[in-house]
Amino acid sequence: MPGIDFNVRTAKRGPMFDGRTAKAMHAYRDEISLRIAEEGEKLIRQRLKVVLQHPTGYYESRISVDRAGDGYRVSDGGVIYGPWLEGTGSRNSPVTRFPGYATFRRTKPLVDKRAREIAVRLLARYKAMGLI
């Protein structure tokens, strides 16, 4: 009975083997985190325009996206009365009648809902580049 012999050679070429895919995945993860934080910043600014009764512009100007470890976060830059406006300070209810606006706490679930949509939209762009 005759036998069949095979000789196979493979060449490792392309974005998966030269490191471009790994770099693109890291960039994708970082950009997802940044875009989600930017969405949070946008929603917080929108809510502050609605809830602040006598805005001076200072507090709103301090809202920003900052690098936090390997991701990003939205903060008020450590404004001294930030916890009072949020409702987590020691001078909120029951010490005073002001319960706070809970802007950051109410915005987080909205951002969490939009996170998947943001990630999928970015993934399409990275796929179009042919790296993922």
N, C-alpha and C. Protein backbone atom coordinates (compact mmCIF):
# COMPACT_ATOMS: atom_id res chain seq x y z
N MET A 1 0.84 -1.17 0.00
CA MET A 1 0.00 0.00 0.00
C MET A 1 0.89 1.24 0.00
N PRO A 2 0.65 2.17 -0.92
CA PRO A 2 1.51 3.35 -0.99
C PRO A 2 1.18 4.33 0.15
N GLY A 3 2.20 5.01 0.65
CA GLY A 3 2.03 5.99 1.74
C GLY A 3 2.06 7.42 1.19
N ILE A 4 1.59 8.32 1.98
CA ILE A 4 1.59 9.73 1.60
C ILE A 4 2.49 10.46 2.59
N ASP A 5 3.39 11.26 2.07
CA ASP A 5 4.28 12.06 2.90
C ASP A 5 3.99 13.55 2.69
N PHE A 6 4.06 14.28 3.77
CA PHE A 6 3.85 15.73 3.72
C PHE A 6 5.05 16.44 4.30
N ASN A 7 5.40 17.52 3.69
CA ASN A 7 6.37 18.46 4.24
C ASN A 7 5.67 19.81 4.32
N VAL A 8 5.60 20.35 5.51
CA VAL A 8 4.88 21.61 5.70
C VAL A 8 5.83 22.64 6.29
N ARG A 9 5.78 23.83 5.74
CA ARG A 9 6.53 24.96 6.29
C ARG A 9 5.56 26.09 6.58
N THR A 10 5.73 26.68 7.73
CA THR A 10 4.88 27.82 8.07
C THR A 10 5.76 29.05 8.24
N ALA A 11 5.19 30.15 7.88
CA ALA A 11 5.89 31.42 8.06
C ALA A 11 5.09 32.29 9.02
N LYS A 12 5.74 32.74 10.04
CA LYS A 12 5.07 33.59 11.03
C LYS A 12 5.25 35.04 10.61
N ARG A 13 4.23 35.53 9.92
CA ARG A 13 4.24 36.92 9.46
C ARG A 13 2.93 37.58 9.80
N GLY A 14 2.94 38.87 9.85
CA GLY A 14 1.71 39.61 10.06
C GLY A 14 1.64 40.25 11.44
N PRO A 15 0.56 40.95 11.67
CA PRO A 15 0.44 41.75 12.91
C PRO A 15 0.42 40.92 14.19
N MET A 16 -0.07 39.68 14.13
CA MET A 16 -0.09 38.87 15.35
C MET A 16 1.30 38.45 15.77
N PHE A 17 2.18 38.28 14.83
CA PHE A 17 3.50 37.76 15.14
C PHE A 17 4.56 38.83 15.31
N ASP A 18 4.34 40.01 14.77
CA ASP A 18 5.35 41.06 14.92
C ASP A 18 5.03 42.05 16.04
N GLY A 19 3.98 41.79 16.83
CA GLY A 19 3.68 42.59 18.00
C GLY A 19 2.67 43.71 17.80
N ARG A 20 2.26 43.94 16.56
CA ARG A 20 1.31 45.04 16.32
C ARG A 20 -0.06 44.78 16.94
N THR A 21 -0.50 43.53 16.94
CA THR A 21 -1.80 43.21 17.53
C THR A 21 -1.78 43.45 19.04
N ALA A 22 -0.71 43.02 19.70
CA ALA A 22 -0.60 43.22 21.15
C ALA A 22 -0.61 44.72 21.48
N LYS A 23 0.12 45.51 20.71
CA LYS A 23 0.14 46.96 20.92
C LYS A 23 -1.24 47.55 20.69
N ALA A 24 -1.92 47.08 19.66
CA ALA A 24 -3.26 47.59 19.36
C ALA A 24 -4.24 47.22 20.47
N MET A 25 -4.11 46.04 21.05
CA MET A 25 -5.00 45.63 22.14
C MET A 25 -4.79 46.50 23.37
N HIS A 26 -3.53 46.82 23.68
CA HIS A 26 -3.24 47.70 24.82
C HIS A 26 -3.78 49.10 24.55
N ALA A 27 -3.59 49.59 23.34
CA ALA A 27 -4.10 50.92 22.98
C ALA A 27 -5.63 50.93 23.03
N TYR A 28 -6.25 49.85 22.58
CA TYR A 28 -7.71 49.73 22.60
C TYR A 28 -8.24 49.78 24.04
N ARG A 29 -7.61 49.01 24.92
CA ARG A 29 -8.03 48.99 26.32
C ARG A 29 -7.89 50.38 26.96
N ASP A 30 -6.78 51.03 26.68
CA ASP A 30 -6.54 52.36 27.25
C ASP A 30 -7.55 53.37 26.69
N GLU A 31 -7.82 53.28 25.40
CA GLU A 31 -8.75 54.23 24.79
C GLU A 31 -10.19 54.00 25.28
N ILE A 32 -10.56 52.75 25.52
CA ILE A 32 -11.89 52.47 26.07
C ILE A 32 -12.03 53.17 27.42
N SER A 33 -11.03 52.99 28.27
CA SER A 33 -11.07 53.60 29.59
C SER A 33 -11.16 55.12 29.49
N LEU A 34 -10.39 55.72 28.59
CA LEU A 34 -10.42 57.17 28.41
C LEU A 34 -11.78 57.64 27.90
N ARG A 35 -12.32 56.98 26.89
CA ARG A 35 -13.61 57.39 26.31
C ARG A 35 -14.76 57.26 27.31
N ILE A 36 -14.73 56.21 28.12
CA ILE A 36 -15.76 56.03 29.14
C ILE A 36 -15.66 57.14 30.18
N ALA A 37 -14.44 57.46 30.60
CA ALA A 37 -14.26 58.55 31.56
C ALA A 37 -14.71 59.88 30.97
N GLU A 38 -14.41 60.11 29.70
CA GLU A 38 -14.85 61.35 29.05
C GLU A 38 -16.37 61.43 28.97
N GLU A 39 -17.01 60.30 28.75
CA GLU A 39 -18.48 60.26 28.75
C GLU A 39 -19.01 60.61 30.14
N GLY A 40 -18.36 60.08 31.17
CA GLY A 40 -18.74 60.41 32.53
C GLY A 40 -18.57 61.89 32.83
N GLU A 41 -17.48 62.46 32.37
CA GLU A 41 -17.25 63.90 32.57
C GLU A 41 -18.35 64.72 31.89
N LYS A 42 -18.71 64.32 30.68
CA LYS A 42 -19.75 65.04 29.94
C LYS A 42 -21.09 64.98 30.68
N LEU A 43 -21.45 63.79 31.17
CA LEU A 43 -22.71 63.63 31.88
C LEU A 43 -22.73 64.39 33.21
N ILE A 44 -21.60 64.42 33.90
CA ILE A 44 -21.52 65.15 35.16
C ILE A 44 -21.69 66.65 34.91
N ARG A 45 -21.03 67.15 33.87
CA ARG A 45 -21.17 68.58 33.54
C ARG A 45 -22.63 68.91 33.18
N GLN A 46 -23.29 68.03 32.44
CA GLN A 46 -24.70 68.26 32.09
C GLN A 46 -25.57 68.29 33.34
N ARG A 47 -25.33 67.37 34.25
CA ARG A 47 -26.13 67.32 35.48
C ARG A 47 -25.88 68.53 36.36
N LEU A 48 -24.63 68.97 36.45
CA LEU A 48 -24.33 70.14 37.27
C LEU A 48 -25.04 71.39 36.75
N LYS A 49 -25.18 71.49 35.43
CA LYS A 49 -25.90 72.64 34.87
C LYS A 49 -27.36 72.66 35.33
N VAL A 50 -27.91 71.49 35.60
CA VAL A 50 -29.30 71.38 36.02
C VAL A 50 -29.45 71.60 37.53
N VAL A 51 -28.56 71.01 38.33
CA VAL A 51 -28.78 71.00 39.79
C VAL A 51 -28.20 72.20 40.53
N LEU A 52 -27.11 72.77 40.05
CA LEU A 52 -26.50 73.88 40.79
C LEU A 52 -27.41 75.10 40.75
N GLN A 53 -27.71 75.64 41.91
CA GLN A 53 -28.65 76.75 41.99
C GLN A 53 -28.00 78.10 41.69
N HIS A 54 -26.79 78.31 42.17
CA HIS A 54 -26.09 79.57 41.95
C HIS A 54 -24.66 79.27 41.49
N PRO A 55 -24.49 78.76 40.29
CA PRO A 55 -23.15 78.35 39.84
C PRO A 55 -22.25 79.57 39.61
N THR A 56 -21.01 79.42 40.08
CA THR A 56 -20.01 80.46 39.83
C THR A 56 -19.11 80.08 38.67
N GLY A 57 -19.13 78.80 38.31
CA GLY A 57 -18.27 78.32 37.24
C GLY A 57 -17.00 77.66 37.75
N TYR A 58 -16.64 77.95 39.00
CA TYR A 58 -15.40 77.39 39.53
C TYR A 58 -15.48 75.88 39.67
N TYR A 59 -16.52 75.40 40.32
CA TYR A 59 -16.64 73.96 40.55
C TYR A 59 -16.69 73.21 39.22
N GLU A 60 -17.48 73.70 38.29
CA GLU A 60 -17.58 73.04 36.98
C GLU A 60 -16.23 73.03 36.26
N SER A 61 -15.45 74.08 36.45
CA SER A 61 -14.15 74.16 35.77
C SER A 61 -13.15 73.16 36.33
N ARG A 62 -13.39 72.66 37.54
CA ARG A 62 -12.47 71.71 38.16
C ARG A 62 -12.79 70.26 37.80
N ILE A 63 -13.91 69.99 37.19
CA ILE A 63 -14.27 68.62 36.79
C ILE A 63 -13.37 68.23 35.63
N SER A 64 -12.66 67.11 35.79
CA SER A 64 -11.73 66.69 34.75
C SER A 64 -11.52 65.18 34.79
N VAL A 65 -10.94 64.68 33.70
CA VAL A 65 -10.54 63.28 33.59
C VAL A 65 -9.05 63.22 33.91
N ASP A 66 -8.69 62.38 34.86
CA ASP A 66 -7.30 62.24 35.28
C ASP A 66 -6.87 60.79 35.16
N ARG A 67 -5.58 60.59 34.95
CA ARG A 67 -5.00 59.25 34.92
C ARG A 67 -5.04 58.69 36.34
N ALA A 68 -5.49 57.46 36.49
CA ALA A 68 -5.55 56.80 37.80
C ALA A 68 -5.05 55.37 37.65
N GLY A 69 -3.82 55.13 38.00
CA GLY A 69 -3.24 53.80 37.82
C GLY A 69 -3.12 53.48 36.35
N ASP A 70 -3.73 52.37 35.93
CA ASP A 70 -3.69 52.00 34.51
C ASP A 70 -4.98 52.40 33.80
N GLY A 71 -5.79 53.25 34.43
CA GLY A 71 -7.04 53.71 33.83
C GLY A 71 -7.21 55.20 34.00
N TYR A 72 -8.45 55.63 34.00
CA TYR A 72 -8.79 57.05 34.13
C TYR A 72 -9.92 57.20 35.14
N ARG A 73 -10.05 58.39 35.70
CA ARG A 73 -11.14 58.68 36.61
C ARG A 73 -11.61 60.11 36.39
N VAL A 74 -12.84 60.36 36.78
CA VAL A 74 -13.41 61.70 36.71
C VAL A 74 -13.41 62.23 38.14
N SER A 75 -12.89 63.44 38.32
CA SER A 75 -12.86 64.00 39.67
C SER A 75 -13.13 65.50 39.63
N ASP A 76 -13.32 66.06 40.81
CA ASP A 76 -13.52 67.51 40.91
C ASP A 76 -12.22 68.21 41.30
N GLY A 77 -11.12 67.51 41.18
CA GLY A 77 -9.82 68.11 41.45
C GLY A 77 -9.58 68.41 42.92
N GLY A 78 -10.35 67.81 43.80
CA GLY A 78 -10.15 68.02 45.23
C GLY A 78 -10.70 69.33 45.76
N VAL A 79 -11.69 69.89 45.08
CA VAL A 79 -12.32 71.13 45.57
C VAL A 79 -12.80 70.90 46.99
N ILE A 80 -12.51 71.83 47.88
CA ILE A 80 -12.76 71.65 49.30
C ILE A 80 -14.24 71.40 49.62
N TYR A 81 -15.14 72.01 48.87
CA TYR A 81 -16.56 71.81 49.15
C TYR A 81 -17.19 70.75 48.24
N GLY A 82 -16.38 70.00 47.52
CA GLY A 82 -16.87 68.92 46.66
C GLY A 82 -17.67 67.87 47.41
N PRO A 83 -17.15 67.35 48.54
CA PRO A 83 -17.93 66.35 49.29
C PRO A 83 -19.27 66.91 49.78
N TRP A 84 -19.32 68.19 50.12
CA TRP A 84 -20.57 68.80 50.56
C TRP A 84 -21.58 68.84 49.41
N LEU A 85 -21.12 69.22 48.20
CA LEU A 85 -22.01 69.24 47.04
C LEU A 85 -22.48 67.83 46.67
N GLU A 86 -21.59 66.87 46.83
CA GLU A 86 -21.93 65.48 46.51
C GLU A 86 -22.87 64.89 47.56
N GLY A 87 -22.79 65.38 48.78
CA GLY A 87 -23.64 64.86 49.85
C GLY A 87 -22.95 63.84 50.73
N THR A 88 -21.63 63.78 50.64
CA THR A 88 -20.87 62.82 51.44
C THR A 88 -20.05 63.49 52.52
N GLY A 89 -20.18 64.80 52.65
CA GLY A 89 -19.40 65.54 53.64
C GLY A 89 -19.99 65.45 55.04
N SER A 90 -19.18 65.85 56.00
CA SER A 90 -19.62 65.80 57.40
C SER A 90 -20.63 66.90 57.71
N ARG A 91 -20.75 67.89 56.84
CA ARG A 91 -21.69 68.99 57.11
C ARG A 91 -23.01 68.85 56.33
N ASN A 92 -23.23 67.69 55.78
CA ASN A 92 -24.51 67.45 55.11
C ASN A 92 -25.54 66.98 56.13
N SER A 93 -26.71 66.70 55.64
CA SER A 93 -27.82 66.23 56.46
C SER A 93 -27.34 65.09 57.37
N PRO A 94 -27.63 65.04 58.62
CA PRO A 94 -28.58 65.80 59.40
C PRO A 94 -27.99 67.07 60.03
N VAL A 95 -26.70 67.36 59.88
CA VAL A 95 -26.12 68.57 60.47
C VAL A 95 -26.76 69.80 59.84
N THR A 96 -26.94 69.79 58.53
CA THR A 96 -27.66 70.86 57.84
C THR A 96 -28.79 70.22 57.06
N ARG A 97 -29.64 71.03 56.47
CA ARG A 97 -30.76 70.48 55.70
C ARG A 97 -30.33 70.07 54.29
N PHE A 98 -29.14 70.46 53.86
CA PHE A 98 -28.71 70.18 52.49
C PHE A 98 -28.21 68.75 52.38
N PRO A 99 -28.89 67.91 51.59
CA PRO A 99 -28.48 66.51 51.47
C PRO A 99 -27.39 66.29 50.41
N GLY A 100 -27.12 67.27 49.57
CA GLY A 100 -26.15 67.11 48.48
C GLY A 100 -26.84 66.74 47.19
N TYR A 101 -26.12 66.87 46.10
CA TYR A 101 -26.71 66.60 44.78
C TYR A 101 -26.47 65.18 44.29
N ALA A 102 -25.50 64.48 44.86
CA ALA A 102 -25.17 63.10 44.45
C ALA A 102 -24.90 63.00 42.95
N THR A 103 -24.26 64.00 42.41
CA THR A 103 -24.01 64.05 40.96
C THR A 103 -23.16 62.88 40.49
N PHE A 104 -22.05 62.64 41.14
CA PHE A 104 -21.16 61.55 40.73
C PHE A 104 -21.82 60.20 40.95
N ARG A 105 -22.49 60.03 42.08
CA ARG A 105 -23.13 58.74 42.38
C ARG A 105 -24.29 58.45 41.44
N ARG A 106 -25.02 59.45 41.01
CA ARG A 106 -26.14 59.22 40.08
C ARG A 106 -25.67 59.06 38.64
N THR A 107 -24.53 59.59 38.34
CA THR A 107 -24.01 59.51 36.97
C THR A 107 -23.36 58.18 36.68
N LYS A 108 -22.75 57.56 37.67
CA LYS A 108 -22.03 56.31 37.45
C LYS A 108 -22.87 55.22 36.79
N PRO A 109 -24.11 54.95 37.26
CA PRO A 109 -24.90 53.91 36.57
C PRO A 109 -25.18 54.25 35.10
N LEU A 110 -25.35 55.52 34.80
CA LEU A 110 -25.58 55.91 33.40
C LEU A 110 -24.35 55.63 32.55
N VAL A 111 -23.19 55.92 33.11
CA VAL A 111 -21.94 55.66 32.38
C VAL A 111 -21.74 54.16 32.21
N ASP A 112 -22.04 53.39 33.25
CA ASP A 112 -21.90 51.94 33.16
C ASP A 112 -22.78 51.36 32.04
N LYS A 113 -23.98 51.92 31.87
CA LYS A 113 -24.88 51.46 30.81
C LYS A 113 -24.30 51.75 29.43
N ARG A 114 -23.61 52.87 29.28
CA ARG A 114 -23.09 53.28 27.98
C ARG A 114 -21.71 52.69 27.67
N ALA A 115 -21.07 52.08 28.65
CA ALA A 115 -19.70 51.59 28.48
C ALA A 115 -19.60 50.55 27.36
N ARG A 116 -20.52 49.61 27.32
CA ARG A 116 -20.46 48.56 26.29
C ARG A 116 -20.59 49.16 24.90
N GLU A 117 -21.51 50.09 24.74
CA GLU A 117 -21.70 50.74 23.44
C GLU A 117 -20.42 51.46 22.99
N ILE A 118 -19.77 52.13 23.93
CA ILE A 118 -18.52 52.84 23.62
C ILE A 118 -17.45 51.85 23.19
N ALA A 119 -17.33 50.74 23.92
CA ALA A 119 -16.32 49.73 23.60
C ALA A 119 -16.56 49.09 22.24
N VAL A 120 -17.81 48.79 21.92
CA VAL A 120 -18.14 48.16 20.63
C VAL A 120 -17.85 49.12 19.48
N ARG A 121 -18.19 50.38 19.67
CA ARG A 121 -17.92 51.38 18.62
C ARG A 121 -16.42 51.51 18.36
N LEU A 122 -15.62 51.52 19.44
CA LEU A 122 -14.17 51.60 19.28
C LEU A 122 -13.60 50.34 18.65
N LEU A 123 -14.16 49.18 19.01
CA LEU A 123 -13.68 47.93 18.46
C LEU A 123 -13.82 47.92 16.94
N ALA A 124 -14.92 48.44 16.45
CA ALA A 124 -15.13 48.50 15.00
C ALA A 124 -14.03 49.32 14.33
N ARG A 125 -13.63 50.40 14.98
CA ARG A 125 -12.57 51.22 14.40
C ARG A 125 -11.22 50.49 14.41
N TYR A 126 -10.92 49.78 15.49
CA TYR A 126 -9.66 49.04 15.57
C TYR A 126 -9.66 47.86 14.59
N LYS A 127 -10.81 47.22 14.41
CA LYS A 127 -10.91 46.13 13.42
C LYS A 127 -10.68 46.66 12.02
N ALA A 128 -11.18 47.85 11.72
CA ALA A 128 -11.00 48.44 10.41
C ALA A 128 -9.52 48.68 10.11
N MET A 129 -8.74 48.89 11.14
CA MET A 129 -7.29 49.07 10.94
C MET A 129 -6.60 47.76 10.62
N GLY A 130 -7.30 46.63 10.84
CA GLY A 130 -6.74 45.33 10.52
C GLY A 130 -5.77 44.80 11.56
N LEU A 131 -5.80 45.34 12.76
CA LEU A 131 -4.85 44.91 13.78
C LEU A 131 -5.48 43.98 14.82
N ILE A 132 -6.80 44.03 14.91
CA ILE A 132 -7.49 43.18 15.90
C ILE A 132 -8.45 42.27 15.17
